[in-house]
Amino acid sequence: MKRLPPYWQWFNEARFGLFLHWGPYAVYGRGEQVLNRERLDQHAYARTACAWSPAHYDPAVWASLAREAGMQYAVLTARHHDGYCLWDTQYTDYSSACQAPRRDFVREFVDATRAAGLRVGLYYSLIDFRLSGWLLGPEQDPAGWARAKQYVYDQVRELLTNYGKID
């Protein structure tokens, strides 16, 4: 059996953590897959996402409760399949920093999670339903596929560079 590298071993030992699927899809109240599963109109969904502005977002409360429950880490969905970004990304204005919230939810989450003594994780979906390259694939849209791959690479680099160590 292949052993995990030392920098990943903590995860198997932690065993208990918080995984937060949270984003503008919460408006619909039917899960993070609502856009795809219900085949919602992408443009109508985007208007809803851009207007979404949660007034009671408080990651310090989440982190405190997680720590109190004995959790060792917390993971936030930085971007799900809908493509809406919860941080101040330079690669799109489809983000919480540029739209109604005008906040970097990832920054707030990372800071609060670290302050509570928890390890920090970020979930980033490779799929983005807004990008034709992902939908059509490299055979049908090679240029779109290449742009989508670069977009993902740039955003993941941004998340792993701008927020300190991501566990």
N, C-alpha and C. Protein backbone atom coordinates (compact mmCIF):
# COMPACT_ATOMS: atom_id res chain seq x y z
N MET A 1 0.85 -1.18 0.00
CA MET A 1 0.00 0.00 0.00
C MET A 1 0.89 1.25 0.00
N LYS A 2 0.57 2.17 -0.87
CA LYS A 2 1.33 3.41 -0.98
C LYS A 2 1.03 4.32 0.21
N ARG A 3 2.07 4.81 0.83
CA ARG A 3 1.91 5.71 1.97
C ARG A 3 1.67 7.15 1.49
N LEU A 4 0.89 7.86 2.26
CA LEU A 4 0.65 9.27 1.96
C LEU A 4 1.91 10.07 2.25
N PRO A 5 2.13 11.13 1.49
CA PRO A 5 3.24 12.02 1.82
C PRO A 5 3.01 12.62 3.21
N PRO A 6 4.06 12.95 3.93
CA PRO A 6 3.90 13.48 5.30
C PRO A 6 2.97 14.69 5.39
N TYR A 7 2.96 15.55 4.37
CA TYR A 7 2.13 16.75 4.44
C TYR A 7 0.64 16.45 4.29
N TRP A 8 0.25 15.23 3.94
CA TRP A 8 -1.16 14.85 3.85
C TRP A 8 -1.59 13.92 4.98
N GLN A 9 -0.67 13.43 5.75
CA GLN A 9 -1.01 12.45 6.78
C GLN A 9 -1.96 13.00 7.84
N TRP A 10 -1.88 14.27 8.10
CA TRP A 10 -2.75 14.87 9.11
C TRP A 10 -4.22 14.61 8.82
N PHE A 11 -4.59 14.57 7.52
CA PHE A 11 -5.99 14.43 7.16
C PHE A 11 -6.58 13.11 7.65
N ASN A 12 -5.88 12.02 7.44
CA ASN A 12 -6.38 10.73 7.93
C ASN A 12 -6.43 10.68 9.45
N GLU A 13 -5.55 11.39 10.09
CA GLU A 13 -5.53 11.42 11.55
C GLU A 13 -6.62 12.33 12.11
N ALA A 14 -6.96 13.38 11.40
CA ALA A 14 -7.97 14.34 11.87
C ALA A 14 -9.35 13.68 11.94
N ARG A 15 -9.72 12.95 10.91
CA ARG A 15 -10.93 12.13 10.86
C ARG A 15 -12.25 12.88 10.94
N PHE A 16 -12.28 14.09 11.42
CA PHE A 16 -13.56 14.76 11.65
C PHE A 16 -13.40 16.23 11.29
N GLY A 17 -14.20 16.68 10.35
CA GLY A 17 -14.11 18.08 9.93
C GLY A 17 -15.42 18.56 9.32
N LEU A 18 -15.42 19.81 8.93
CA LEU A 18 -16.60 20.47 8.40
C LEU A 18 -16.39 20.73 6.91
N PHE A 19 -17.38 20.36 6.11
CA PHE A 19 -17.34 20.63 4.68
C PHE A 19 -18.56 21.47 4.35
N LEU A 20 -18.34 22.69 3.92
CA LEU A 20 -19.42 23.63 3.68
C LEU A 20 -19.69 23.82 2.19
N HIS A 21 -20.79 23.28 1.73
CA HIS A 21 -21.28 23.58 0.39
C HIS A 21 -22.17 24.79 0.56
N TRP A 22 -21.67 25.94 0.16
CA TRP A 22 -22.40 27.17 0.40
C TRP A 22 -22.11 28.15 -0.74
N GLY A 23 -23.13 28.71 -1.29
CA GLY A 23 -22.99 29.66 -2.38
C GLY A 23 -24.35 30.17 -2.78
N PRO A 24 -24.43 30.86 -3.91
CA PRO A 24 -25.71 31.45 -4.32
C PRO A 24 -26.81 30.43 -4.59
N TYR A 25 -26.45 29.19 -4.80
CA TYR A 25 -27.46 28.14 -4.99
C TYR A 25 -28.30 27.95 -3.73
N ALA A 26 -27.83 28.45 -2.59
CA ALA A 26 -28.60 28.35 -1.34
C ALA A 26 -29.94 29.09 -1.45
N VAL A 27 -30.00 30.08 -2.33
CA VAL A 27 -31.24 30.83 -2.54
C VAL A 27 -32.38 29.88 -2.92
N TYR A 28 -32.06 28.87 -3.71
CA TYR A 28 -33.07 27.94 -4.20
C TYR A 28 -33.48 26.91 -3.16
N GLY A 29 -32.60 26.64 -2.19
CA GLY A 29 -32.92 25.72 -1.11
C GLY A 29 -33.08 24.27 -1.54
N ARG A 30 -32.46 23.91 -2.67
CA ARG A 30 -32.62 22.54 -3.17
C ARG A 30 -31.27 21.91 -3.51
N GLY A 31 -30.23 22.35 -2.84
CA GLY A 31 -28.91 21.75 -3.03
C GLY A 31 -28.04 22.49 -4.03
N GLU A 32 -26.76 22.16 -3.98
CA GLU A 32 -25.77 22.85 -4.80
C GLU A 32 -25.83 22.47 -6.28
N GLN A 33 -26.57 21.43 -6.62
CA GLN A 33 -26.67 20.97 -8.01
C GLN A 33 -27.93 21.48 -8.71
N VAL A 34 -28.63 22.41 -8.11
CA VAL A 34 -29.94 22.83 -8.63
C VAL A 34 -29.86 23.34 -10.08
N LEU A 35 -28.83 24.05 -10.43
CA LEU A 35 -28.71 24.60 -11.79
C LEU A 35 -28.74 23.49 -12.83
N ASN A 36 -27.95 22.46 -12.61
CA ASN A 36 -27.85 21.37 -13.57
C ASN A 36 -29.01 20.38 -13.46
N ARG A 37 -29.30 19.96 -12.26
CA ARG A 37 -30.33 18.93 -12.08
C ARG A 37 -31.72 19.37 -12.52
N GLU A 38 -32.01 20.64 -12.30
CA GLU A 38 -33.32 21.15 -12.69
C GLU A 38 -33.29 21.87 -14.04
N ARG A 39 -32.13 21.86 -14.66
CA ARG A 39 -31.94 22.49 -15.97
C ARG A 39 -32.46 23.93 -15.99
N LEU A 40 -32.04 24.68 -14.97
CA LEU A 40 -32.45 26.08 -14.89
C LEU A 40 -31.81 26.88 -16.01
N ASP A 41 -32.43 27.96 -16.36
CA ASP A 41 -31.87 28.87 -17.35
C ASP A 41 -30.62 29.52 -16.76
N GLN A 42 -29.49 29.37 -17.44
CA GLN A 42 -28.20 29.88 -16.95
C GLN A 42 -28.24 31.39 -16.71
N HIS A 43 -28.87 32.13 -17.60
CA HIS A 43 -28.91 33.59 -17.47
C HIS A 43 -29.77 34.02 -16.28
N ALA A 44 -30.90 33.37 -16.09
CA ALA A 44 -31.75 33.69 -14.93
C ALA A 44 -31.02 33.32 -13.64
N TYR A 45 -30.35 32.18 -13.65
CA TYR A 45 -29.58 31.76 -12.47
C TYR A 45 -28.49 32.79 -12.16
N ALA A 46 -27.79 33.25 -13.19
CA ALA A 46 -26.72 34.23 -12.99
C ALA A 46 -27.26 35.53 -12.41
N ARG A 47 -28.43 35.96 -12.85
CA ARG A 47 -29.02 37.18 -12.28
C ARG A 47 -29.30 36.98 -10.79
N THR A 48 -29.83 35.81 -10.44
CA THR A 48 -30.08 35.50 -9.03
C THR A 48 -28.78 35.46 -8.25
N ALA A 49 -27.77 34.81 -8.81
CA ALA A 49 -26.47 34.69 -8.14
C ALA A 49 -25.84 36.07 -7.91
N CYS A 50 -25.93 36.93 -8.90
CA CYS A 50 -25.32 38.26 -8.79
C CYS A 50 -26.05 39.15 -7.78
N ALA A 51 -27.32 38.88 -7.55
CA ALA A 51 -28.10 39.65 -6.57
C ALA A 51 -28.00 39.06 -5.16
N TRP A 52 -27.54 37.83 -5.06
CA TRP A 52 -27.42 37.13 -3.77
C TRP A 52 -26.46 37.89 -2.85
N SER A 53 -26.92 38.21 -1.67
CA SER A 53 -26.09 38.94 -0.71
C SER A 53 -26.45 38.52 0.71
N PRO A 54 -25.89 37.41 1.17
CA PRO A 54 -26.25 36.90 2.49
C PRO A 54 -25.85 37.87 3.60
N ALA A 55 -26.82 38.25 4.39
CA ALA A 55 -26.60 39.25 5.43
C ALA A 55 -25.98 38.66 6.69
N HIS A 56 -26.14 37.37 6.90
CA HIS A 56 -25.71 36.77 8.16
C HIS A 56 -24.52 35.84 8.02
N TYR A 57 -23.71 36.02 6.99
CA TYR A 57 -22.51 35.20 6.81
C TYR A 57 -21.53 35.52 7.94
N ASP A 58 -21.23 34.53 8.75
CA ASP A 58 -20.31 34.73 9.86
C ASP A 58 -19.47 33.47 10.05
N PRO A 59 -18.39 33.35 9.29
CA PRO A 59 -17.58 32.14 9.37
C PRO A 59 -16.93 31.94 10.74
N ALA A 60 -16.82 32.98 11.54
CA ALA A 60 -16.27 32.81 12.90
C ALA A 60 -17.20 31.95 13.74
N VAL A 61 -18.51 32.10 13.54
CA VAL A 61 -19.48 31.27 14.26
C VAL A 61 -19.35 29.83 13.79
N TRP A 62 -19.28 29.62 12.47
CA TRP A 62 -19.11 28.26 11.94
C TRP A 62 -17.85 27.61 12.50
N ALA A 63 -16.75 28.35 12.48
CA ALA A 63 -15.47 27.80 12.93
C ALA A 63 -15.50 27.50 14.43
N SER A 64 -16.11 28.37 15.19
CA SER A 64 -16.21 28.16 16.63
C SER A 64 -17.03 26.91 16.95
N LEU A 65 -18.15 26.75 16.26
CA LEU A 65 -18.99 25.57 16.46
C LEU A 65 -18.26 24.29 16.03
N ALA A 66 -17.53 24.37 14.94
CA ALA A 66 -16.77 23.21 14.46
C ALA A 66 -15.72 22.82 15.49
N ARG A 67 -15.02 23.80 16.00
CA ARG A 67 -13.97 23.53 17.01
C ARG A 67 -14.60 22.94 18.27
N GLU A 68 -15.70 23.53 18.71
CA GLU A 68 -16.40 23.07 19.90
C GLU A 68 -16.87 21.61 19.74
N ALA A 69 -17.23 21.23 18.53
CA ALA A 69 -17.69 19.87 18.25
C ALA A 69 -16.53 18.88 18.13
N GLY A 70 -15.30 19.39 18.15
CA GLY A 70 -14.14 18.51 18.06
C GLY A 70 -13.60 18.34 16.65
N MET A 71 -14.08 19.14 15.74
CA MET A 71 -13.58 19.05 14.36
C MET A 71 -12.16 19.60 14.30
N GLN A 72 -11.42 19.10 13.30
CA GLN A 72 -10.01 19.48 13.15
C GLN A 72 -9.75 20.37 11.94
N TYR A 73 -10.72 20.45 11.04
CA TYR A 73 -10.54 21.22 9.81
C TYR A 73 -11.89 21.69 9.30
N ALA A 74 -11.84 22.65 8.40
CA ALA A 74 -13.05 23.12 7.72
C ALA A 74 -12.71 23.41 6.26
N VAL A 75 -13.63 23.05 5.38
CA VAL A 75 -13.47 23.23 3.94
C VAL A 75 -14.66 24.05 3.43
N LEU A 76 -14.37 25.07 2.65
CA LEU A 76 -15.41 25.90 2.04
C LEU A 76 -15.39 25.70 0.53
N THR A 77 -16.56 25.65 -0.06
CA THR A 77 -16.67 25.61 -1.52
C THR A 77 -16.36 27.01 -2.05
N ALA A 78 -15.17 27.17 -2.60
CA ALA A 78 -14.77 28.47 -3.15
C ALA A 78 -15.47 28.75 -4.48
N ARG A 79 -15.69 27.67 -5.23
CA ARG A 79 -16.45 27.78 -6.49
C ARG A 79 -17.04 26.42 -6.78
N HIS A 80 -18.34 26.40 -7.06
CA HIS A 80 -19.00 25.15 -7.43
C HIS A 80 -19.25 25.15 -8.94
N HIS A 81 -19.97 24.17 -9.43
CA HIS A 81 -20.19 23.99 -10.86
C HIS A 81 -20.88 25.18 -11.52
N ASP A 82 -21.56 25.99 -10.73
CA ASP A 82 -22.25 27.16 -11.30
C ASP A 82 -21.26 28.24 -11.72
N GLY A 83 -20.00 28.15 -11.28
CA GLY A 83 -18.96 29.08 -11.69
C GLY A 83 -18.86 30.34 -10.85
N TYR A 84 -19.77 30.53 -9.90
CA TYR A 84 -19.74 31.73 -9.06
C TYR A 84 -18.61 31.61 -8.04
N CYS A 85 -17.76 32.59 -7.99
CA CYS A 85 -16.57 32.57 -7.13
C CYS A 85 -16.82 33.33 -5.83
N LEU A 86 -16.42 32.74 -4.72
CA LEU A 86 -16.62 33.36 -3.41
C LEU A 86 -15.41 34.16 -2.96
N TRP A 87 -14.56 34.55 -3.88
CA TRP A 87 -13.39 35.34 -3.54
C TRP A 87 -13.18 36.42 -4.59
N ASP A 88 -12.23 37.27 -4.32
CA ASP A 88 -11.90 38.39 -5.20
C ASP A 88 -10.92 37.90 -6.27
N THR A 89 -11.46 37.30 -7.31
CA THR A 89 -10.64 36.76 -8.39
C THR A 89 -10.44 37.79 -9.48
N GLN A 90 -9.27 37.80 -10.07
CA GLN A 90 -9.02 38.73 -11.16
C GLN A 90 -9.46 38.19 -12.52
N TYR A 91 -10.00 36.96 -12.55
CA TYR A 91 -10.31 36.31 -13.82
C TYR A 91 -11.78 36.35 -14.23
N THR A 92 -12.64 36.87 -13.36
CA THR A 92 -14.05 37.03 -13.72
C THR A 92 -14.69 38.02 -12.74
N ASP A 93 -15.76 38.65 -13.18
CA ASP A 93 -16.52 39.49 -12.25
C ASP A 93 -17.72 38.72 -11.69
N TYR A 94 -17.80 37.44 -12.01
CA TYR A 94 -18.87 36.56 -11.48
C TYR A 94 -18.40 36.05 -10.12
N SER A 95 -18.35 36.99 -9.18
CA SER A 95 -17.79 36.68 -7.86
C SER A 95 -18.45 37.52 -6.78
N SER A 96 -18.31 37.06 -5.56
CA SER A 96 -18.88 37.78 -4.42
C SER A 96 -18.22 39.14 -4.21
N ALA A 97 -16.99 39.28 -4.66
CA ALA A 97 -16.29 40.56 -4.50
C ALA A 97 -16.81 41.61 -5.49
N CYS A 98 -17.24 41.18 -6.66
CA CYS A 98 -17.69 42.11 -7.69
C CYS A 98 -19.20 42.28 -7.74
N GLN A 99 -19.95 41.32 -7.21
CA GLN A 99 -21.40 41.38 -7.27
C GLN A 99 -21.98 41.90 -5.95
N ALA A 100 -23.24 41.65 -5.70
CA ALA A 100 -23.97 42.26 -4.58
C ALA A 100 -23.28 42.18 -3.21
N PRO A 101 -22.67 41.06 -2.84
CA PRO A 101 -22.08 41.05 -1.49
C PRO A 101 -20.93 42.03 -1.31
N ARG A 102 -20.13 42.22 -2.39
CA ARG A 102 -18.93 43.07 -2.31
C ARG A 102 -18.01 42.62 -1.18
N ARG A 103 -17.89 41.28 -1.04
CA ARG A 103 -17.07 40.71 0.04
C ARG A 103 -16.26 39.54 -0.51
N ASP A 104 -15.12 39.34 0.09
CA ASP A 104 -14.29 38.17 -0.20
C ASP A 104 -14.61 37.13 0.86
N PHE A 105 -15.58 36.26 0.57
CA PHE A 105 -16.01 35.26 1.54
C PHE A 105 -14.91 34.25 1.86
N VAL A 106 -14.07 33.96 0.89
CA VAL A 106 -12.96 33.03 1.15
C VAL A 106 -12.00 33.63 2.17
N ARG A 107 -11.64 34.89 1.99
CA ARG A 107 -10.74 35.55 2.96
C ARG A 107 -11.32 35.48 4.36
N GLU A 108 -12.59 35.83 4.50
CA GLU A 108 -13.23 35.81 5.81
C GLU A 108 -13.24 34.39 6.39
N PHE A 109 -13.52 33.41 5.55
CA PHE A 109 -13.54 32.01 6.00
C PHE A 109 -12.14 31.56 6.45
N VAL A 110 -11.16 31.82 5.62
CA VAL A 110 -9.78 31.40 5.94
C VAL A 110 -9.32 32.03 7.24
N ASP A 111 -9.53 33.31 7.39
CA ASP A 111 -9.09 34.00 8.61
C ASP A 111 -9.81 33.46 9.85
N ALA A 112 -11.10 33.27 9.77
CA ALA A 112 -11.88 32.78 10.91
C ALA A 112 -11.51 31.33 11.25
N THR A 113 -11.30 30.52 10.24
CA THR A 113 -10.97 29.12 10.46
C THR A 113 -9.61 28.99 11.13
N ARG A 114 -8.65 29.75 10.64
CA ARG A 114 -7.31 29.73 11.27
C ARG A 114 -7.38 30.25 12.70
N ALA A 115 -8.13 31.31 12.92
CA ALA A 115 -8.24 31.91 14.26
C ALA A 115 -8.83 30.91 15.26
N ALA A 116 -9.67 30.00 14.77
CA ALA A 116 -10.28 28.98 15.64
C ALA A 116 -9.35 27.78 15.85
N GLY A 117 -8.19 27.81 15.21
CA GLY A 117 -7.24 26.71 15.36
C GLY A 117 -7.54 25.50 14.50
N LEU A 118 -8.30 25.70 13.45
CA LEU A 118 -8.63 24.60 12.54
C LEU A 118 -7.76 24.68 11.29
N ARG A 119 -7.55 23.55 10.67
CA ARG A 119 -6.89 23.52 9.37
C ARG A 119 -7.88 24.02 8.32
N VAL A 120 -7.35 24.58 7.24
CA VAL A 120 -8.16 25.23 6.21
C VAL A 120 -8.12 24.44 4.92
N GLY A 121 -9.31 24.21 4.35
CA GLY A 121 -9.40 23.60 3.04
C GLY A 121 -10.35 24.38 2.16
N LEU A 122 -10.10 24.32 0.87
CA LEU A 122 -10.98 24.95 -0.11
C LEU A 122 -11.36 23.93 -1.17
N TYR A 123 -12.62 23.89 -1.49
CA TYR A 123 -13.12 23.04 -2.57
C TYR A 123 -13.29 23.93 -3.79
N TYR A 124 -12.78 23.47 -4.91
CA TYR A 124 -12.89 24.21 -6.16
C TYR A 124 -13.33 23.22 -7.24
N SER A 125 -14.49 23.42 -7.81
CA SER A 125 -14.97 22.53 -8.85
C SER A 125 -14.25 22.79 -10.16
N LEU A 126 -13.80 21.73 -10.79
CA LEU A 126 -13.17 21.87 -12.10
C LEU A 126 -14.20 22.17 -13.18
N ILE A 127 -15.43 21.80 -12.92
CA ILE A 127 -16.52 22.04 -13.87
C ILE A 127 -17.04 23.46 -13.70
N ASP A 128 -17.36 24.09 -14.80
CA ASP A 128 -18.02 25.39 -14.77
C ASP A 128 -19.02 25.39 -15.93
N PHE A 129 -20.30 25.30 -15.59
CA PHE A 129 -21.34 25.18 -16.60
C PHE A 129 -21.42 26.38 -17.54
N ARG A 130 -20.77 27.46 -17.21
CA ARG A 130 -20.80 28.65 -18.07
C ARG A 130 -19.79 28.56 -19.21
N LEU A 131 -18.82 27.66 -19.09
CA LEU A 131 -17.74 27.58 -20.07
C LEU A 131 -18.03 26.52 -21.12
N SER A 132 -18.20 26.95 -22.36
CA SER A 132 -18.55 26.01 -23.44
C SER A 132 -17.49 24.93 -23.61
N GLY A 133 -16.24 25.25 -23.35
CA GLY A 133 -15.17 24.26 -23.49
C GLY A 133 -15.38 23.05 -22.59
N TRP A 134 -15.89 23.27 -21.39
CA TRP A 134 -16.17 22.14 -20.49
C TRP A 134 -17.35 21.34 -20.98
N LEU A 135 -18.33 22.02 -21.52
CA LEU A 135 -19.54 21.34 -21.96
C LEU A 135 -19.32 20.54 -23.25
N LEU A 136 -18.55 21.10 -24.16
CA LEU A 136 -18.35 20.45 -25.45
C LEU A 136 -17.15 19.51 -25.46
N GLY A 137 -16.16 19.77 -24.64
CA GLY A 137 -14.98 18.91 -24.56
C GLY A 137 -13.91 19.28 -25.57
N PRO A 138 -12.73 18.68 -25.41
CA PRO A 138 -11.58 19.07 -26.24
C PRO A 138 -11.74 18.67 -27.72
N GLU A 139 -12.52 17.66 -28.02
CA GLU A 139 -12.70 17.26 -29.41
C GLU A 139 -13.58 18.23 -30.18
N GLN A 140 -14.67 18.69 -29.55
CA GLN A 140 -15.62 19.57 -30.23
C GLN A 140 -15.24 21.05 -30.13
N ASP A 141 -14.51 21.41 -29.09
CA ASP A 141 -14.15 22.82 -28.89
C ASP A 141 -12.74 22.91 -28.30
N PRO A 142 -11.73 22.59 -29.10
CA PRO A 142 -10.36 22.58 -28.56
C PRO A 142 -9.91 23.94 -28.01
N ALA A 143 -10.29 25.02 -28.66
CA ALA A 143 -9.88 26.34 -28.18
C ALA A 143 -10.60 26.67 -26.86
N GLY A 144 -11.90 26.37 -26.81
CA GLY A 144 -12.67 26.60 -25.58
C GLY A 144 -12.16 25.74 -24.44
N TRP A 145 -11.80 24.51 -24.75
CA TRP A 145 -11.24 23.60 -23.75
C TRP A 145 -9.93 24.17 -23.19
N ALA A 146 -9.08 24.66 -24.07
CA ALA A 146 -7.79 25.24 -23.64
C ALA A 146 -8.02 26.47 -22.77
N ARG A 147 -8.98 27.31 -23.14
CA ARG A 147 -9.29 28.50 -22.33
C ARG A 147 -9.83 28.10 -20.96
N ALA A 148 -10.71 27.10 -20.93
CA ALA A 148 -11.28 26.63 -19.66
C ALA A 148 -10.19 26.07 -18.76
N LYS A 149 -9.27 25.29 -19.32
CA LYS A 149 -8.17 24.73 -18.53
C LYS A 149 -7.29 25.85 -17.95
N GLN A 150 -7.00 26.85 -18.76
CA GLN A 150 -6.16 27.95 -18.27
C GLN A 150 -6.88 28.74 -17.18
N TYR A 151 -8.17 28.93 -17.35
CA TYR A 151 -8.99 29.63 -16.37
C TYR A 151 -8.94 28.91 -15.02
N VAL A 152 -9.13 27.59 -15.06
CA VAL A 152 -9.07 26.79 -13.84
C VAL A 152 -7.68 26.89 -13.22
N TYR A 153 -6.66 26.72 -14.03
CA TYR A 153 -5.28 26.80 -13.53
C TYR A 153 -5.04 28.15 -12.85
N ASP A 154 -5.43 29.22 -13.50
CA ASP A 154 -5.22 30.56 -12.95
C ASP A 154 -5.96 30.76 -11.63
N GLN A 155 -7.20 30.29 -11.57
CA GLN A 155 -7.97 30.48 -10.33
C GLN A 155 -7.45 29.61 -9.19
N VAL A 156 -7.07 28.39 -9.48
CA VAL A 156 -6.52 27.54 -8.41
C VAL A 156 -5.20 28.13 -7.90
N ARG A 157 -4.38 28.61 -8.82
CA ARG A 157 -3.13 29.26 -8.40
C ARG A 157 -3.43 30.47 -7.51
N GLU A 158 -4.43 31.23 -7.87
CA GLU A 158 -4.85 32.39 -7.09
C GLU A 158 -5.24 31.97 -5.67
N LEU A 159 -6.06 30.93 -5.56
CA LEU A 159 -6.51 30.45 -4.24
C LEU A 159 -5.35 29.91 -3.40
N LEU A 160 -4.40 29.27 -4.06
CA LEU A 160 -3.28 28.68 -3.32
C LEU A 160 -2.16 29.67 -3.06
N THR A 161 -2.27 30.86 -3.62
CA THR A 161 -1.25 31.88 -3.44
C THR A 161 -1.70 33.01 -2.52
N ASN A 162 -2.96 33.43 -2.65
CA ASN A 162 -3.42 34.63 -1.99
C ASN A 162 -3.94 34.45 -0.56
N TYR A 163 -4.03 33.21 -0.10
CA TYR A 163 -4.65 32.96 1.20
C TYR A 163 -3.75 32.20 2.17
N GLY A 164 -2.47 32.26 1.94
CA GLY A 164 -1.55 31.54 2.82
C GLY A 164 -1.67 30.05 2.61
N LYS A 165 -1.18 29.30 3.57
CA LYS A 165 -1.16 27.85 3.44
C LYS A 165 -2.60 27.30 3.46
N ILE A 166 -2.90 26.53 2.43
CA ILE A 166 -4.18 25.81 2.40
C ILE A 166 -3.83 24.35 2.69
N ASP A 167 -4.40 23.85 3.76
CA ASP A 167 -4.03 22.51 4.22
C ASP A 167 -4.53 21.42 3.31
